[in-house]
Structures are given as C-alpha cells and as structure tokens.
Amino acid sequence: MKKCSAKELKILGDFWTLTIIQELSEGNKRFSELERVISGISPTTLANRLKKLEINNLIKREKEKIDKLSIIYSLTNKGHGILPVLSQIRVFADKYL
C-alpha cells in the first residue's frame, strides 16, 4: 500500500479541515452557515481553511446566483473523493474510541 505523503497529510491534517469537508458533504453553505454549524471555529481559521481547500481543489467558491455578494462553498469531485475516508474514520472511532 502506498504511504501518505507529507503534502497529503498537511492538507487534510489541519484541525477543522475534515469537519469543514463533512459539513459541505451535506450541501452547499455560505461562510456564515459554516461558522454557525462548526462550533468553536474562529472566523480567521475558517477563512484560512477554506482558502487552503480551494487552492487544493477540494472545494469551490462561487458567487450566489441571486445575491451576487454572497459566496457559496461546495465540494468538488476531488472533495467528494474524501468522503469514503471520512466514513471509515467514523467506523474506526465508533469501534475503538
């Protein structure tokens, strides 16, 4: 089995990153919605994580069609590819933690 590289772990290993991906797996969300549902995350941290996820093509950032000032975040196909990994992490946690 191929080992995870430092780059992969650096992207996904940041605190809050997998939580953000999990929230976006439930549907597109605005910044304020993510801030509300992810208890304890600071606006600065959320903004930094979203930027990093966007740079790595795991999420996309788009202007809302109705209100051009609002930004909507959603998972890309690459971002959706992480969801089975999150599912397995949950299975492991339920069983062993």
PDB file of N, CA and C in Angstrom:
ATOM      1  N   MET A   1       0.837  -1.172   0.000  1.00  0.00           N
ATOM      2  CA  MET A   1       0.000   0.000   0.000  1.00  0.00           C
ATOM      3  C   MET A   1       0.888   1.243   0.000  1.00  0.00           C
ATOM      4  N   LYS A   2       0.515   2.238  -0.811  1.00  0.00           N
ATOM      5  CA  LYS A   2       1.276   3.484  -0.905  1.00  0.00           C
ATOM      6  C   LYS A   2       1.081   4.303   0.374  1.00  0.00           C
ATOM      7  N   LYS A   3       2.156   4.877   0.873  1.00  0.00           N
ATOM      8  CA  LYS A   3       2.087   5.702   2.077  1.00  0.00           C
ATOM      9  C   LYS A   3       1.578   7.097   1.726  1.00  0.00           C
ATOM     10  N   CYS A   4       0.917   7.728   2.703  1.00  0.00           N
ATOM     11  CA  CYS A   4       0.501   9.128   2.535  1.00  0.00           C
ATOM     12  C   CYS A   4       1.741  10.007   2.537  1.00  0.00           C
ATOM     13  N   SER A   5       1.743  10.977   1.656  1.00  0.00           N
ATOM     14  CA  SER A   5       2.874  11.903   1.627  1.00  0.00           C
ATOM     15  C   SER A   5       2.637  13.022   2.637  1.00  0.00           C
ATOM     16  N   ALA A   6       3.684  13.741   2.933  1.00  0.00           N
ATOM     17  CA  ALA A   6       3.572  14.881   3.852  1.00  0.00           C
ATOM     18  C   ALA A   6       2.610  15.919   3.299  1.00  0.00           C
ATOM     19  N   LYS A   7       2.590  16.092   1.982  1.00  0.00           N
ATOM     20  CA  LYS A   7       1.692  17.072   1.365  1.00  0.00           C
ATOM     21  C   LYS A   7       0.233  16.698   1.619  1.00  0.00           C
ATOM     22  N   GLU A   8      -0.109  15.437   1.416  1.00  0.00           N
ATOM     23  CA  GLU A   8      -1.489  14.994   1.644  1.00  0.00           C
ATOM     24  C   GLU A   8      -1.887  15.171   3.097  1.00  0.00           C
ATOM     25  N   LEU A   9      -0.998  14.779   3.985  1.00  0.00           N
ATOM     26  CA  LEU A   9      -1.302  14.905   5.406  1.00  0.00           C
ATOM     27  C   LEU A   9      -1.374  16.365   5.835  1.00  0.00           C
ATOM     28  N   LYS A  10      -0.563  17.208   5.223  1.00  0.00           N
ATOM     29  CA  LYS A  10      -0.589  18.629   5.569  1.00  0.00           C
ATOM     30  C   LYS A  10      -1.927  19.245   5.191  1.00  0.00           C
ATOM     31  N   ILE A  11      -2.482  18.861   4.068  1.00  0.00           N
ATOM     32  CA  ILE A  11      -3.763  19.396   3.616  1.00  0.00           C
ATOM     33  C   ILE A  11      -4.898  18.902   4.510  1.00  0.00           C
ATOM     34  N   LEU A  12      -4.963  17.608   4.730  1.00  0.00           N
ATOM     35  CA  LEU A  12      -6.085  17.024   5.456  1.00  0.00           C
ATOM     36  C   LEU A  12      -5.884  16.990   6.957  1.00  0.00           C
ATOM     37  N   GLY A  13      -4.653  17.152   7.403  1.00  0.00           N
ATOM     38  CA  GLY A  13      -4.360  17.014   8.817  1.00  0.00           C
ATOM     39  C   GLY A  13      -4.599  18.263   9.642  1.00  0.00           C
ATOM     40  N   ASP A  14      -4.857  19.395   8.990  1.00  0.00           N
ATOM     41  CA  ASP A  14      -5.147  20.611   9.738  1.00  0.00           C
ATOM     42  C   ASP A  14      -6.418  20.431  10.555  1.00  0.00           C
ATOM     43  N   PHE A  15      -6.358  20.930  11.788  1.00  0.00           N
ATOM     44  CA  PHE A  15      -7.539  20.894  12.633  1.00  0.00           C
ATOM     45  C   PHE A  15      -8.662  21.645  11.931  1.00  0.00           C
ATOM     46  N   TRP A  16      -9.831  21.144  11.917  1.00  0.00           N
ATOM     47  CA  TRP A  16     -11.061  21.676  11.326  1.00  0.00           C
ATOM     48  C   TRP A  16     -11.266  21.282   9.856  1.00  0.00           C
ATOM     49  N   THR A  17     -10.240  20.904   9.140  1.00  0.00           N
ATOM     50  CA  THR A  17     -10.386  20.646   7.709  1.00  0.00           C
ATOM     51  C   THR A  17     -11.400  19.544   7.418  1.00  0.00           C
ATOM     52  N   LEU A  18     -11.284  18.413   8.088  1.00  0.00           N
ATOM     53  CA  LEU A  18     -12.215  17.317   7.837  1.00  0.00           C
ATOM     54  C   LEU A  18     -13.626  17.671   8.291  1.00  0.00           C
ATOM     55  N   THR A  19     -13.742  18.491   9.322  1.00  0.00           N
ATOM     56  CA  THR A  19     -15.061  18.945   9.783  1.00  0.00           C
ATOM     57  C   THR A  19     -15.714  19.819   8.716  1.00  0.00           C
ATOM     58  N   ILE A  20     -14.946  20.691   8.107  1.00  0.00           N
ATOM     59  CA  ILE A  20     -15.471  21.538   7.033  1.00  0.00           C
ATOM     60  C   ILE A  20     -15.929  20.679   5.857  1.00  0.00           C
ATOM     61  N   ILE A  21     -15.115  19.713   5.477  1.00  0.00           N
ATOM     62  CA  ILE A  21     -15.474  18.821   4.369  1.00  0.00           C
ATOM     63  C   ILE A  21     -16.753  18.057   4.710  1.00  0.00           C
ATOM     64  N   GLN A  22     -16.852  17.574   5.931  1.00  0.00           N
ATOM     65  CA  GLN A  22     -18.055  16.854   6.365  1.00  0.00           C
ATOM     66  C   GLN A  22     -19.287  17.750   6.248  1.00  0.00           C
ATOM     67  N   GLU A  23     -19.183  18.982   6.706  1.00  0.00           N
ATOM     68  CA  GLU A  23     -20.322  19.904   6.625  1.00  0.00           C
ATOM     69  C   GLU A  23     -20.712  20.177   5.176  1.00  0.00           C
ATOM     70  N   LEU A  24     -19.732  20.366   4.312  1.00  0.00           N
ATOM     71  CA  LEU A  24     -20.038  20.632   2.903  1.00  0.00           C
ATOM     72  C   LEU A  24     -20.571  19.392   2.185  1.00  0.00           C
ATOM     73  N   SER A  25     -20.309  18.213   2.745  1.00  0.00           N
ATOM     74  CA  SER A  25     -20.860  16.989   2.132  1.00  0.00           C
ATOM     75  C   SER A  25     -22.380  16.949   2.271  1.00  0.00           C
ATOM     76  N   GLU A  26     -22.909  17.722   3.214  1.00  0.00           N
ATOM     77  CA  GLU A  26     -24.355  17.778   3.430  1.00  0.00           C
ATOM     78  C   GLU A  26     -25.024  18.819   2.548  1.00  0.00           C
ATOM     79  N   GLY A  27     -24.237  19.580   1.811  1.00  0.00           N
ATOM     80  CA  GLY A  27     -24.789  20.572   0.891  1.00  0.00           C
ATOM     81  C   GLY A  27     -23.976  21.852   0.895  1.00  0.00           C
ATOM     82  N   ASN A  28     -24.233  22.681  -0.091  1.00  0.00           N
ATOM     83  CA  ASN A  28     -23.535  23.949  -0.230  1.00  0.00           C
ATOM     84  C   ASN A  28     -23.863  24.852   0.955  1.00  0.00           C
ATOM     85  N   LYS A  29     -22.871  25.631   1.370  1.00  0.00           N
ATOM     86  CA  LYS A  29     -23.079  26.514   2.512  1.00  0.00           C
ATOM     87  C   LYS A  29     -22.335  27.833   2.321  1.00  0.00           C
ATOM     88  N   ARG A  30     -22.914  28.875   2.917  1.00  0.00           N
ATOM     89  CA  ARG A  30     -22.245  30.171   2.994  1.00  0.00           C
ATOM     90  C   ARG A  30     -21.261  30.143   4.153  1.00  0.00           C
ATOM     91  N   PHE A  31     -20.358  31.126   4.169  1.00  0.00           N
ATOM     92  CA  PHE A  31     -19.387  31.249   5.248  1.00  0.00           C
ATOM     93  C   PHE A  31     -20.100  31.316   6.594  1.00  0.00           C
ATOM     94  N   SER A  32     -21.122  32.152   6.690  1.00  0.00           N
ATOM     95  CA  SER A  32     -21.833  32.328   7.966  1.00  0.00           C
ATOM     96  C   SER A  32     -22.506  31.032   8.424  1.00  0.00           C
ATOM     97  N   GLU A  33     -22.983  30.227   7.483  1.00  0.00           N
ATOM     98  CA  GLU A  33     -23.591  28.937   7.844  1.00  0.00           C
ATOM     99  C   GLU A  33     -22.532  27.988   8.395  1.00  0.00           C
ATOM    100  N   LEU A  34     -21.375  27.944   7.746  1.00  0.00           N
ATOM    101  CA  LEU A  34     -20.291  27.093   8.242  1.00  0.00           C
ATOM    102  C   LEU A  34     -19.844  27.547   9.621  1.00  0.00           C
ATOM    103  N   GLU A  35     -19.729  28.843   9.787  1.00  0.00           N
ATOM    104  CA  GLU A  35     -19.315  29.396  11.077  1.00  0.00           C
ATOM    105  C   GLU A  35     -20.305  29.006  12.186  1.00  0.00           C
ATOM    106  N   ARG A  36     -21.576  29.001  11.850  1.00  0.00           N
ATOM    107  CA  ARG A  36     -22.624  28.661  12.823  1.00  0.00           C
ATOM    108  C   ARG A  36     -22.634  27.175  13.179  1.00  0.00           C
ATOM    109  N   VAL A  37     -22.481  26.315  12.190  1.00  0.00           N
ATOM    110  CA  VAL A  37     -22.600  24.869  12.450  1.00  0.00           C
ATOM    111  C   VAL A  37     -21.314  24.237  12.980  1.00  0.00           C
ATOM    112  N   ILE A  38     -20.180  24.896  12.769  1.00  0.00           N
ATOM    113  CA  ILE A  38     -18.915  24.364  13.284  1.00  0.00           C
ATOM    114  C   ILE A  38     -18.583  25.125  14.566  1.00  0.00           C
ATOM    115  N   SER A  39     -19.069  24.603  15.638  1.00  0.00           N
ATOM    116  CA  SER A  39     -18.917  25.255  16.938  1.00  0.00           C
ATOM    117  C   SER A  39     -17.448  25.349  17.349  1.00  0.00           C
ATOM    118  N   GLY A  40     -17.015  26.556  17.710  1.00  0.00           N
ATOM    119  CA  GLY A  40     -15.663  26.734  18.214  1.00  0.00           C
ATOM    120  C   GLY A  40     -14.645  27.208  17.203  1.00  0.00           C
ATOM    121  N   ILE A  41     -14.991  27.238  15.931  1.00  0.00           N
ATOM    122  CA  ILE A  41     -14.024  27.689  14.922  1.00  0.00           C
ATOM    123  C   ILE A  41     -14.061  29.221  14.838  1.00  0.00           C
ATOM    124  N   SER A  42     -12.894  29.831  14.769  1.00  0.00           N
ATOM    125  CA  SER A  42     -12.837  31.290  14.643  1.00  0.00           C
ATOM    126  C   SER A  42     -13.016  31.667  13.169  1.00  0.00           C
ATOM    127  N   PRO A  43     -13.512  32.866  12.901  1.00  0.00           N
ATOM    128  CA  PRO A  43     -13.663  33.302  11.504  1.00  0.00           C
ATOM    129  C   PRO A  43     -12.342  33.276  10.727  1.00  0.00           C
ATOM    130  N   THR A  44     -11.257  33.641  11.379  1.00  0.00           N
ATOM    131  CA  THR A  44      -9.956  33.643  10.716  1.00  0.00           C
ATOM    132  C   THR A  44      -9.533  32.231  10.336  1.00  0.00           C
ATOM    133  N   THR A  45      -9.706  31.287  11.253  1.00  0.00           N
ATOM    134  CA  THR A  45      -9.343  29.894  10.978  1.00  0.00           C
ATOM    135  C   THR A  45     -10.218  29.333   9.866  1.00  0.00           C
ATOM    136  N   LEU A  46     -11.510  29.603   9.924  1.00  0.00           N
ATOM    137  CA  LEU A  46     -12.415  29.117   8.882  1.00  0.00           C
ATOM    138  C   LEU A  46     -11.998  29.673   7.522  1.00  0.00           C
ATOM    139  N   ALA A  47     -11.724  30.961   7.455  1.00  0.00           N
ATOM    140  CA  ALA A  47     -11.307  31.580   6.191  1.00  0.00           C
ATOM    141  C   ALA A  47     -10.015  30.955   5.676  1.00  0.00           C
ATOM    142  N   ASN A  48      -9.056  30.732   6.564  1.00  0.00           N
ATOM    143  CA  ASN A  48      -7.784  30.121   6.156  1.00  0.00           C
ATOM    144  C   ASN A  48      -7.972  28.703   5.642  1.00  0.00           C
ATOM    145  N   ARG A  49      -8.778  27.915   6.335  1.00  0.00           N
ATOM    146  CA  ARG A  49      -9.005  26.527   5.908  1.00  0.00           C
ATOM    147  C   ARG A  49      -9.743  26.482   4.571  1.00  0.00           C
ATOM    148  N   LEU A  50     -10.752  27.341   4.409  1.00  0.00           N
ATOM    149  CA  LEU A  50     -11.492  27.375   3.150  1.00  0.00           C
ATOM    150  C   LEU A  50     -10.561  27.751   1.995  1.00  0.00           C
ATOM    151  N   LYS A  51      -9.700  28.714   2.212  1.00  0.00           N
ATOM    152  CA  LYS A  51      -8.746  29.135   1.173  1.00  0.00           C
ATOM    153  C   LYS A  51      -7.826  27.978   0.790  1.00  0.00           C
ATOM    154  N   LYS A  52      -7.319  27.275   1.803  1.00  0.00           N
ATOM    155  CA  LYS A  52      -6.418  26.148   1.560  1.00  0.00           C
ATOM    156  C   LYS A  52      -7.137  25.023   0.802  1.00  0.00           C
ATOM    157  N   LEU A  53      -8.378  24.745   1.182  1.00  0.00           N
ATOM    158  CA  LEU A  53      -9.149  23.712   0.497  1.00  0.00           C
ATOM    159  C   LEU A  53      -9.446  24.111  -0.949  1.00  0.00           C
ATOM    160  N   GLU A  54      -9.696  25.394  -1.161  1.00  0.00           N
ATOM    161  CA  GLU A  54      -9.944  25.880  -2.517  1.00  0.00           C
ATOM    162  C   GLU A  54      -8.675  25.786  -3.375  1.00  0.00           C
ATOM    163  N   ILE A  55      -7.554  26.196  -2.825  1.00  0.00           N
ATOM    164  CA  ILE A  55      -6.282  26.127  -3.552  1.00  0.00           C
ATOM    165  C   ILE A  55      -5.969  24.688  -3.965  1.00  0.00           C
ATOM    166  N   ASN A  56      -6.330  23.735  -3.119  1.00  0.00           N
ATOM    167  CA  ASN A  56      -6.065  22.326  -3.402  1.00  0.00           C
ATOM    168  C   ASN A  56      -7.209  21.641  -4.142  1.00  0.00           C
ATOM    169  N   ASN A  57      -8.143  22.451  -4.651  1.00  0.00           N
ATOM    170  CA  ASN A  57      -9.246  21.971  -5.488  1.00  0.00           C
ATOM    171  C   ASN A  57     -10.143  20.943  -4.781  1.00  0.00           C
ATOM    172  N   LEU A  58     -10.295  21.074  -3.484  1.00  0.00           N
ATOM    173  CA  LEU A  58     -11.208  20.194  -2.740  1.00  0.00           C
ATOM    174  C   LEU A  58     -12.585  20.834  -2.582  1.00  0.00           C
ATOM    175  N   ILE A  59     -12.619  22.158  -2.614  1.00  0.00           N
ATOM    176  CA  ILE A  59     -13.891  22.881  -2.584  1.00  0.00           C
ATOM    177  C   ILE A  59     -13.864  23.946  -3.665  1.00  0.00           C
ATOM    178  N   LYS A  60     -15.044  24.438  -4.007  1.00  0.00           N
ATOM    179  CA  LYS A  60     -15.111  25.574  -4.928  1.00  0.00           C
ATOM    180  C   LYS A  60     -15.897  26.692  -4.253  1.00  0.00           C
ATOM    181  N   ARG A  61     -15.539  27.888  -4.625  1.00  0.00           N
ATOM    182  CA  ARG A  61     -16.112  29.111  -4.084  1.00  0.00           C
ATOM    183  C   ARG A  61     -16.787  29.827  -5.231  1.00  0.00           C
ATOM    184  N   GLU A  62     -18.097  30.054  -5.114  1.00  0.00           N
ATOM    185  CA  GLU A  62     -18.836  30.695  -6.199  1.00  0.00           C
ATOM    186  C   GLU A  62     -19.738  31.788  -5.652  1.00  0.00           C
ATOM    187  N   LYS A  63     -19.931  32.829  -6.460  1.00  0.00           N
ATOM    188  CA  LYS A  63     -20.901  33.858  -6.098  1.00  0.00           C
ATOM    189  C   LYS A  63     -22.297  33.274  -6.273  1.00  0.00           C
ATOM    190  N   GLU A  64     -23.152  33.563  -5.308  1.00  0.00           N
ATOM    191  CA  GLU A  64     -24.526  33.082  -5.389  1.00  0.00           C
ATOM    192  C   GLU A  64     -25.226  33.730  -6.582  1.00  0.00           C
ATOM    193  N   LYS A  65     -26.080  32.989  -7.249  1.00  0.00           N
ATOM    194  CA  LYS A  65     -26.731  33.492  -8.460  1.00  0.00           C
ATOM    195  C   LYS A  65     -27.712  34.623  -8.163  1.00  0.00           C
ATOM    196  N   ILE A  66     -28.417  34.528  -7.049  1.00  0.00           N
ATOM    197  CA  ILE A  66     -29.426  35.543  -6.718  1.00  0.00           C
ATOM    198  C   ILE A  66     -28.771  36.780  -6.099  1.00  0.00           C
ATOM    199  N   ASP A  67     -28.011  36.565  -5.051  1.00  0.00           N
ATOM    200  CA  ASP A  67     -27.338  37.654  -4.345  1.00  0.00           C
ATOM    201  C   ASP A  67     -25.852  37.582  -4.676  1.00  0.00           C
ATOM    202  N   LYS A  68     -25.414  38.403  -5.610  1.00  0.00           N
ATOM    203  CA  LYS A  68     -24.026  38.341  -6.104  1.00  0.00           C
ATOM    204  C   LYS A  68     -22.983  38.652  -5.031  1.00  0.00           C
ATOM    205  N   LEU A  69     -23.402  39.179  -3.865  1.00  0.00           N
ATOM    206  CA  LEU A  69     -22.460  39.478  -2.794  1.00  0.00           C
ATOM    207  C   LEU A  69     -22.195  38.253  -1.920  1.00  0.00           C
ATOM    208  N   SER A  70     -23.104  37.288  -1.961  1.00  0.00           N
ATOM    209  CA  SER A  70     -22.935  36.089  -1.140  1.00  0.00           C
ATOM    210  C   SER A  70     -22.075  35.058  -1.855  1.00  0.00           C
ATOM    211  N   ILE A  71     -21.240  34.403  -1.078  1.00  0.00           N
ATOM    212  CA  ILE A  71     -20.358  33.357  -1.607  1.00  0.00           C
ATOM    213  C   ILE A  71     -20.851  32.012  -1.087  1.00  0.00           C
ATOM    214  N   ILE A  72     -20.920  31.050  -1.970  1.00  0.00           N
ATOM    215  CA  ILE A  72     -21.344  29.696  -1.628  1.00  0.00           C
ATOM    216  C   ILE A  72     -20.141  28.773  -1.779  1.00  0.00           C
ATOM    217  N   TYR A  73     -19.932  27.908  -0.804  1.00  0.00           N
ATOM    218  CA  TYR A  73     -18.864  26.913  -0.838  1.00  0.00           C
ATOM    219  C   TYR A  73     -19.484  25.541  -1.065  1.00  0.00           C
ATOM    220  N   SER A  74     -18.818  24.748  -1.889  1.00  0.00           N
ATOM    221  CA  SER A  74     -19.284  23.381  -2.148  1.00  0.00           C
ATOM    222  C   SER A  74     -18.080  22.486  -2.432  1.00  0.00           C
ATOM    223  N   LEU A  75     -18.299  21.188  -2.293  1.00  0.00           N
ATOM    224  CA  LEU A  75     -17.241  20.223  -2.585  1.00  0.00           C
ATOM    225  C   LEU A  75     -17.072  20.041  -4.083  1.00  0.00           C
ATOM    226  N   THR A  76     -15.860  19.869  -4.514  1.00  0.00           N
ATOM    227  CA  THR A  76     -15.569  19.486  -5.896  1.00  0.00           C
ATOM    228  C   THR A  76     -15.643  17.954  -5.978  1.00  0.00           C
ATOM    229  N   ASN A  77     -15.452  17.419  -7.165  1.00  0.00           N
ATOM    230  CA  ASN A  77     -15.384  15.952  -7.305  1.00  0.00           C
ATOM    231  C   ASN A  77     -14.236  15.402  -6.460  1.00  0.00           C
ATOM    232  N   LYS A  78     -13.124  16.109  -6.464  1.00  0.00           N
ATOM    233  CA  LYS A  78     -11.970  15.697  -5.657  1.00  0.00           C
ATOM    234  C   LYS A  78     -12.339  15.706  -4.175  1.00  0.00           C
ATOM    235  N   GLY A  79     -13.070  16.724  -3.741  1.00  0.00           N
ATOM    236  CA  GLY A  79     -13.522  16.798  -2.350  1.00  0.00           C
ATOM    237  C   GLY A  79     -14.457  15.660  -1.988  1.00  0.00           C
ATOM    238  N   HIS A  80     -15.343  15.306  -2.920  1.00  0.00           N
ATOM    239  CA  HIS A  80     -16.253  14.173  -2.682  1.00  0.00           C
ATOM    240  C   HIS A  80     -15.476  12.860  -2.542  1.00  0.00           C
ATOM    241  N   GLY A  81     -14.299  12.796  -3.153  1.00  0.00           N
ATOM    242  CA  GLY A  81     -13.482  11.587  -3.066  1.00  0.00           C
ATOM    243  C   GLY A  81     -12.977  11.296  -1.664  1.00  0.00           C
ATOM    244  N   ILE A  82     -12.976  12.293  -0.798  1.00  0.00           N
ATOM    245  CA  ILE A  82     -12.510  12.108   0.581  1.00  0.00           C
ATOM    246  C   ILE A  82     -13.602  11.511   1.471  1.00  0.00           C
ATOM    247  N   LEU A  83     -14.851  11.606   1.054  1.00  0.00           N
ATOM    248  CA  LEU A  83     -15.961  11.167   1.911  1.00  0.00           C
ATOM    249  C   LEU A  83     -15.886   9.701   2.337  1.00  0.00           C
ATOM    250  N   PRO A  84     -15.471   8.774   1.472  1.00  0.00           N
ATOM    251  CA  PRO A  84     -15.327   7.389   1.953  1.00  0.00           C
ATOM    252  C   PRO A  84     -14.271   7.261   3.058  1.00  0.00           C
ATOM    253  N   VAL A  85     -13.229   8.078   2.983  1.00  0.00           N
ATOM    254  CA  VAL A  85     -12.202   8.075   4.031  1.00  0.00           C
ATOM    255  C   VAL A  85     -12.813   8.555   5.349  1.00  0.00           C
ATOM    256  N   LEU A  86     -13.602   9.623   5.286  1.00  0.00           N
ATOM    257  CA  LEU A  86     -14.270  10.123   6.496  1.00  0.00           C
ATOM    258  C   LEU A  86     -15.193   9.074   7.093  1.00  0.00           C
ATOM    259  N   SER A  87     -15.872   8.361   6.230  1.00  0.00           N
ATOM    260  CA  SER A  87     -16.762   7.288   6.692  1.00  0.00           C
ATOM    261  C   SER A  87     -15.982   6.217   7.440  1.00  0.00           C
ATOM    262  N   GLN A  88     -14.833   5.845   6.918  1.00  0.00           N
ATOM    263  CA  GLN A  88     -14.004   4.826   7.572  1.00  0.00           C
ATOM    264  C   GLN A  88     -13.419   5.332   8.889  1.00  0.00           C
ATOM    265  N   ILE A  89     -13.098   6.600   8.958  1.00  0.00           N
ATOM    266  CA  ILE A  89     -12.617   7.186  10.214  1.00  0.00           C
ATOM    267  C   ILE A  89     -13.722   7.096  11.255  1.00  0.00           C
ATOM    268  N   ARG A  90     -14.980   7.386  10.864  1.00  0.00           N
ATOM    269  CA  ARG A  90     -16.102   7.266  11.790  1.00  0.00           C
ATOM    270  C   ARG A  90     -16.289   5.844  12.278  1.00  0.00           C
ATOM    271  N   VAL A  91     -16.178   4.881  11.368  1.00  0.00           N
ATOM    272  CA  VAL A  91     -16.302   3.469  11.739  1.00  0.00           C
ATOM    273  C   VAL A  91     -15.232   3.101  12.753  1.00  0.00           C
ATOM    274  N   PHE A  92     -14.004   3.513  12.483  1.00  0.00           N
ATOM    275  CA  PHE A  92     -12.899   3.242  13.410  1.00  0.00           C
ATOM    276  C   PHE A  92     -13.161   3.876  14.779  1.00  0.00           C
ATOM    277  N   ALA A  93     -13.582   5.143  14.765  1.00  0.00           N
ATOM    278  CA  ALA A  93     -13.830   5.856  16.029  1.00  0.00           C
ATOM    279  C   ALA A  93     -14.942   5.201  16.822  1.00  0.00           C
ATOM    280  N   ASP A  94     -16.005   4.806  16.146  1.00  0.00           N
ATOM    281  CA  ASP A  94     -17.120   4.144  16.846  1.00  0.00           C
ATOM    282  C   ASP A  94     -16.674   2.827  17.477  1.00  0.00           C
ATOM    283  N   LYS A  95     -15.798   2.143  16.791  1.00  0.00           N
ATOM    284  CA  LYS A  95     -15.374   0.829  17.265  1.00  0.00           C
ATOM    285  C   LYS A  95     -14.304   0.905  18.366  1.00  0.00           C
ATOM    286  N   TYR A  96     -13.369   1.840  18.228  1.00  0.00           N
ATOM    287  CA  TYR A  96     -12.197   1.819  19.096  1.00  0.00           C
ATOM    288  C   TYR A  96     -12.039   3.025  20.041  1.00  0.00           C
ATOM    289  N   LEU A  97     -12.751   4.100  19.800  1.00  0.00           N
ATOM    290  CA  LEU A  97     -12.528   5.284  20.626  1.00  0.00           C
ATOM    291  C   LEU A  97     -13.695   5.562  21.572  1.00  0.00           C
TER     292      LEU A  97
END
